[in-house]
Amino acid sequence: MRVAIAYGVTAWLLAQIATQIFPFFEIPNWGVRLVILALLIGFPIVLRWLGLLRSLPKGLCGRKRACLATQVVGAPTTPSPSVLSS
């Protein structure tokens, strides 16, 4: 849901920029239509990609090396024994 909202807000912002900036640079109206069409076509593609990532057991972290790049530096990877005993 958050991805859909973020995409909607970003698409709206890009459409507003295109409608305001393109005439200034004398880009034809079909350029604005092309941007809006690309944003509309991209929305279901992004939602399908998100669904695919959620269906994978570990998301994008299929390998341990890939997961190490997403971890916070200095964060413990396993809980300490004191946390487990309490």
N, C-alpha and C. Protein backbone atom coordinates (compact mmCIF):
# COMPACT_ATOMS: atom_id res chain seq x y z
N MET A 1 0.82 -1.18 0.00
CA MET A 1 0.00 0.00 0.00
C MET A 1 0.87 1.26 0.00
N ARG A 2 1.95 1.21 0.78
CA ARG A 2 2.83 2.38 0.84
C ARG A 2 3.51 2.63 -0.50
N VAL A 3 3.84 1.55 -1.21
CA VAL A 3 4.48 1.71 -2.51
C VAL A 3 3.51 2.37 -3.49
N ALA A 4 2.25 1.97 -3.46
CA ALA A 4 1.26 2.56 -4.36
C ALA A 4 1.07 4.04 -4.07
N ILE A 5 1.04 4.41 -2.81
CA ILE A 5 0.89 5.82 -2.44
C ILE A 5 2.13 6.60 -2.85
N ALA A 6 3.30 6.04 -2.60
CA ALA A 6 4.54 6.73 -2.98
C ALA A 6 4.63 6.88 -4.50
N TYR A 7 4.22 5.85 -5.24
CA TYR A 7 4.23 5.94 -6.70
C TYR A 7 3.25 7.00 -7.16
N GLY A 8 2.07 7.03 -6.57
CA GLY A 8 1.07 8.03 -6.94
C GLY A 8 1.55 9.45 -6.71
N VAL A 9 2.16 9.68 -5.57
CA VAL A 9 2.66 11.02 -5.26
C VAL A 9 3.79 11.40 -6.21
N THR A 10 4.71 10.47 -6.46
CA THR A 10 5.82 10.74 -7.37
C THR A 10 5.33 10.96 -8.80
N ALA A 11 4.36 10.15 -9.23
CA ALA A 11 3.81 10.31 -10.58
C ALA A 11 3.11 11.65 -10.71
N TRP A 12 2.37 12.04 -9.69
CA TRP A 12 1.69 13.34 -9.73
C TRP A 12 2.72 14.46 -9.82
N LEU A 13 3.79 14.37 -9.04
CA LEU A 13 4.83 15.40 -9.07
C LEU A 13 5.51 15.47 -10.44
N LEU A 14 5.83 14.32 -11.02
CA LEU A 14 6.46 14.31 -12.34
C LEU A 14 5.52 14.85 -13.41
N ALA A 15 4.23 14.54 -13.30
CA ALA A 15 3.26 15.07 -14.26
C ALA A 15 3.15 16.59 -14.13
N GLN A 16 3.17 17.10 -12.91
CA GLN A 16 3.11 18.54 -12.71
C GLN A 16 4.35 19.23 -13.25
N ILE A 17 5.49 18.63 -13.03
CA ILE A 17 6.74 19.20 -13.55
C ILE A 17 6.71 19.20 -15.08
N ALA A 18 6.24 18.10 -15.67
CA ALA A 18 6.18 18.02 -17.13
C ALA A 18 5.24 19.07 -17.71
N THR A 19 4.08 19.26 -17.08
CA THR A 19 3.13 20.23 -17.62
C THR A 19 3.61 21.66 -17.45
N GLN A 20 4.45 21.91 -16.48
CA GLN A 20 4.94 23.27 -16.25
C GLN A 20 6.23 23.57 -17.02
N ILE A 21 7.11 22.60 -17.14
CA ILE A 21 8.43 22.82 -17.72
C ILE A 21 8.46 22.61 -19.23
N PHE A 22 7.73 21.61 -19.73
CA PHE A 22 7.80 21.29 -21.16
C PHE A 22 7.43 22.46 -22.05
N PRO A 23 6.36 23.22 -21.77
CA PRO A 23 6.06 24.36 -22.64
C PRO A 23 7.16 25.43 -22.63
N PHE A 24 7.84 25.58 -21.53
CA PHE A 24 8.92 26.55 -21.43
C PHE A 24 10.05 26.23 -22.40
N PHE A 25 10.32 24.93 -22.59
CA PHE A 25 11.35 24.50 -23.52
C PHE A 25 10.79 24.18 -24.90
N GLU A 26 9.56 24.56 -25.14
CA GLU A 26 8.86 24.37 -26.41
C GLU A 26 8.80 22.91 -26.85
N ILE A 27 8.64 22.02 -25.87
CA ILE A 27 8.42 20.61 -26.16
C ILE A 27 6.94 20.45 -26.50
N PRO A 28 6.61 19.74 -27.56
CA PRO A 28 5.21 19.62 -27.97
C PRO A 28 4.33 18.97 -26.89
N ASN A 29 3.03 19.17 -27.03
CA ASN A 29 2.08 18.63 -26.05
C ASN A 29 2.11 17.11 -25.99
N TRP A 30 2.47 16.47 -27.08
CA TRP A 30 2.51 15.01 -27.03
C TRP A 30 3.61 14.52 -26.09
N GLY A 31 4.60 15.35 -25.79
CA GLY A 31 5.63 14.98 -24.82
C GLY A 31 5.05 14.84 -23.42
N VAL A 32 4.17 15.78 -23.07
CA VAL A 32 3.50 15.70 -21.77
C VAL A 32 2.61 14.47 -21.72
N ARG A 33 1.90 14.23 -22.81
CA ARG A 33 1.03 13.04 -22.87
C ARG A 33 1.86 11.76 -22.76
N LEU A 34 3.03 11.76 -23.37
CA LEU A 34 3.90 10.58 -23.30
C LEU A 34 4.37 10.32 -21.87
N VAL A 35 4.72 11.38 -21.15
CA VAL A 35 5.15 11.22 -19.76
C VAL A 35 4.01 10.67 -18.91
N ILE A 36 2.82 11.21 -19.06
CA ILE A 36 1.68 10.77 -18.28
C ILE A 36 1.32 9.33 -18.64
N LEU A 37 1.37 8.99 -19.92
CA LEU A 37 1.09 7.61 -20.34
C LEU A 37 2.11 6.65 -19.78
N ALA A 38 3.37 7.02 -19.79
CA ALA A 38 4.42 6.16 -19.22
C ALA A 38 4.20 5.95 -17.73
N LEU A 39 3.79 6.99 -17.02
CA LEU A 39 3.53 6.86 -15.59
C LEU A 39 2.33 5.95 -15.33
N LEU A 40 1.31 6.06 -16.17
CA LEU A 40 0.13 5.21 -16.01
C LEU A 40 0.45 3.75 -16.32
N ILE A 41 1.24 3.51 -17.35
CA ILE A 41 1.62 2.14 -17.70
C ILE A 41 2.56 1.56 -16.64
N GLY A 42 3.40 2.38 -16.06
CA GLY A 42 4.36 1.91 -15.06
C GLY A 42 3.74 1.51 -13.74
N PHE A 43 2.56 2.04 -13.42
CA PHE A 43 1.93 1.75 -12.12
C PHE A 43 1.65 0.26 -11.93
N PRO A 44 0.95 -0.40 -12.86
CA PRO A 44 0.71 -1.84 -12.62
C PRO A 44 2.00 -2.66 -12.69
N ILE A 45 2.98 -2.20 -13.45
CA ILE A 45 4.25 -2.92 -13.50
C ILE A 45 4.93 -2.88 -12.13
N VAL A 46 4.92 -1.73 -11.49
CA VAL A 46 5.53 -1.60 -10.16
C VAL A 46 4.78 -2.46 -9.15
N LEU A 47 3.45 -2.49 -9.24
CA LEU A 47 2.68 -3.31 -8.30
C LEU A 47 2.94 -4.80 -8.52
N ARG A 48 3.10 -5.23 -9.77
CA ARG A 48 3.42 -6.63 -10.05
C ARG A 48 4.81 -6.97 -9.50
N TRP A 49 5.77 -6.07 -9.69
CA TRP A 49 7.13 -6.28 -9.19
C TRP A 49 7.11 -6.40 -7.66
N LEU A 50 6.33 -5.56 -7.02
CA LEU A 50 6.22 -5.62 -5.57
C LEU A 50 5.62 -6.95 -5.14
N GLY A 51 4.59 -7.41 -5.84
CA GLY A 51 3.99 -8.70 -5.53
C GLY A 51 4.97 -9.84 -5.72
N LEU A 52 5.80 -9.76 -6.76
CA LEU A 52 6.81 -10.78 -6.98
C LEU A 52 7.82 -10.79 -5.84
N LEU A 53 8.27 -9.63 -5.42
CA LEU A 53 9.24 -9.57 -4.33
C LEU A 53 8.67 -10.08 -3.03
N ARG A 54 7.39 -9.79 -2.79
CA ARG A 54 6.77 -10.28 -1.56
C ARG A 54 6.54 -11.78 -1.58
N SER A 55 6.41 -12.37 -2.77
CA SER A 55 6.17 -13.81 -2.86
C SER A 55 7.45 -14.62 -2.66
N LEU A 56 8.61 -14.00 -2.84
CA LEU A 56 9.87 -14.71 -2.62
C LEU A 56 10.09 -14.91 -1.13
N PRO A 57 10.67 -16.03 -0.72
CA PRO A 57 10.83 -16.28 0.71
C PRO A 57 11.71 -15.26 1.42
N LYS A 58 12.76 -14.80 0.76
CA LYS A 58 13.66 -13.84 1.40
C LYS A 58 13.69 -12.51 0.67
N GLY A 59 12.72 -12.24 -0.19
CA GLY A 59 12.74 -11.00 -0.95
C GLY A 59 13.90 -11.00 -1.92
N LEU A 60 14.65 -9.94 -1.94
CA LEU A 60 15.82 -9.87 -2.81
C LEU A 60 17.04 -10.54 -2.21
N CYS A 61 17.00 -10.89 -0.95
CA CYS A 61 18.15 -11.46 -0.26
C CYS A 61 18.19 -12.97 -0.44
N GLY A 62 18.37 -13.42 -1.65
CA GLY A 62 18.47 -14.84 -1.91
C GLY A 62 19.80 -15.42 -1.45
N ARG A 63 20.83 -14.59 -1.43
CA ARG A 63 22.15 -15.02 -1.00
C ARG A 63 22.55 -14.23 0.24
N LYS A 64 23.39 -14.81 1.06
CA LYS A 64 23.82 -14.15 2.28
C LYS A 64 24.62 -12.89 1.96
N ARG A 65 25.43 -12.92 0.91
CA ARG A 65 26.25 -11.77 0.55
C ARG A 65 25.36 -10.57 0.21
N ALA A 66 24.24 -10.80 -0.47
CA ALA A 66 23.34 -9.70 -0.84
C ALA A 66 22.68 -9.13 0.41
N CYS A 67 22.38 -9.99 1.39
CA CYS A 67 21.73 -9.50 2.60
C CYS A 67 22.69 -8.67 3.46
N LEU A 68 23.96 -8.98 3.41
CA LEU A 68 24.93 -8.23 4.21
C LEU A 68 24.98 -6.77 3.78
N ALA A 69 24.72 -6.49 2.52
CA ALA A 69 24.77 -5.11 2.04
C ALA A 69 23.60 -4.29 2.57
N THR A 70 22.51 -4.94 2.97
CA THR A 70 21.34 -4.20 3.45
C THR A 70 21.30 -4.05 4.96
N GLN A 71 22.23 -4.70 5.68
CA GLN A 71 22.22 -4.61 7.13
C GLN A 71 22.84 -3.30 7.60
N VAL A 72 22.41 -2.86 8.76
CA VAL A 72 22.95 -1.65 9.36
C VAL A 72 24.32 -1.98 9.94
N VAL A 73 25.27 -1.11 9.67
CA VAL A 73 26.63 -1.33 10.16
C VAL A 73 26.62 -1.20 11.69
N GLY A 74 27.19 -2.18 12.35
CA GLY A 74 27.28 -2.15 13.81
C GLY A 74 26.09 -2.79 14.50
N ALA A 75 25.04 -3.14 13.76
CA ALA A 75 23.88 -3.77 14.38
C ALA A 75 24.19 -5.25 14.60
N PRO A 76 23.78 -5.79 15.75
CA PRO A 76 24.04 -7.21 15.99
C PRO A 76 23.20 -8.06 15.05
N THR A 77 23.80 -9.14 14.57
CA THR A 77 23.08 -10.02 13.64
C THR A 77 22.23 -11.04 14.37
N THR A 78 22.62 -11.40 15.59
CA THR A 78 21.83 -12.33 16.41
C THR A 78 21.60 -11.69 17.77
N PRO A 79 20.49 -12.01 18.41
CA PRO A 79 20.26 -11.43 19.73
C PRO A 79 21.28 -11.94 20.74
N SER A 80 21.60 -11.08 21.68
CA SER A 80 22.57 -11.47 22.70
C SER A 80 21.92 -12.47 23.65
N PRO A 81 22.73 -13.29 24.34
CA PRO A 81 22.17 -14.29 25.27
C PRO A 81 21.33 -13.67 26.38
N SER A 82 21.65 -12.47 26.81
CA SER A 82 20.86 -11.84 27.88
C SER A 82 19.44 -11.53 27.41
N VAL A 83 19.27 -11.22 26.13
CA VAL A 83 17.94 -10.96 25.60
C VAL A 83 17.13 -12.26 25.52
N LEU A 84 17.83 -13.36 25.15
CA LEU A 84 17.14 -14.63 25.02
C LEU A 84 16.69 -15.20 26.35
N SER A 85 17.44 -14.95 27.44
CA SER A 85 17.10 -15.53 28.73
C SER A 85 16.04 -14.76 29.49
N SER A 86 15.76 -13.51 29.09
CA SER A 86 14.78 -12.73 29.86
C SER A 86 13.39 -12.86 29.32
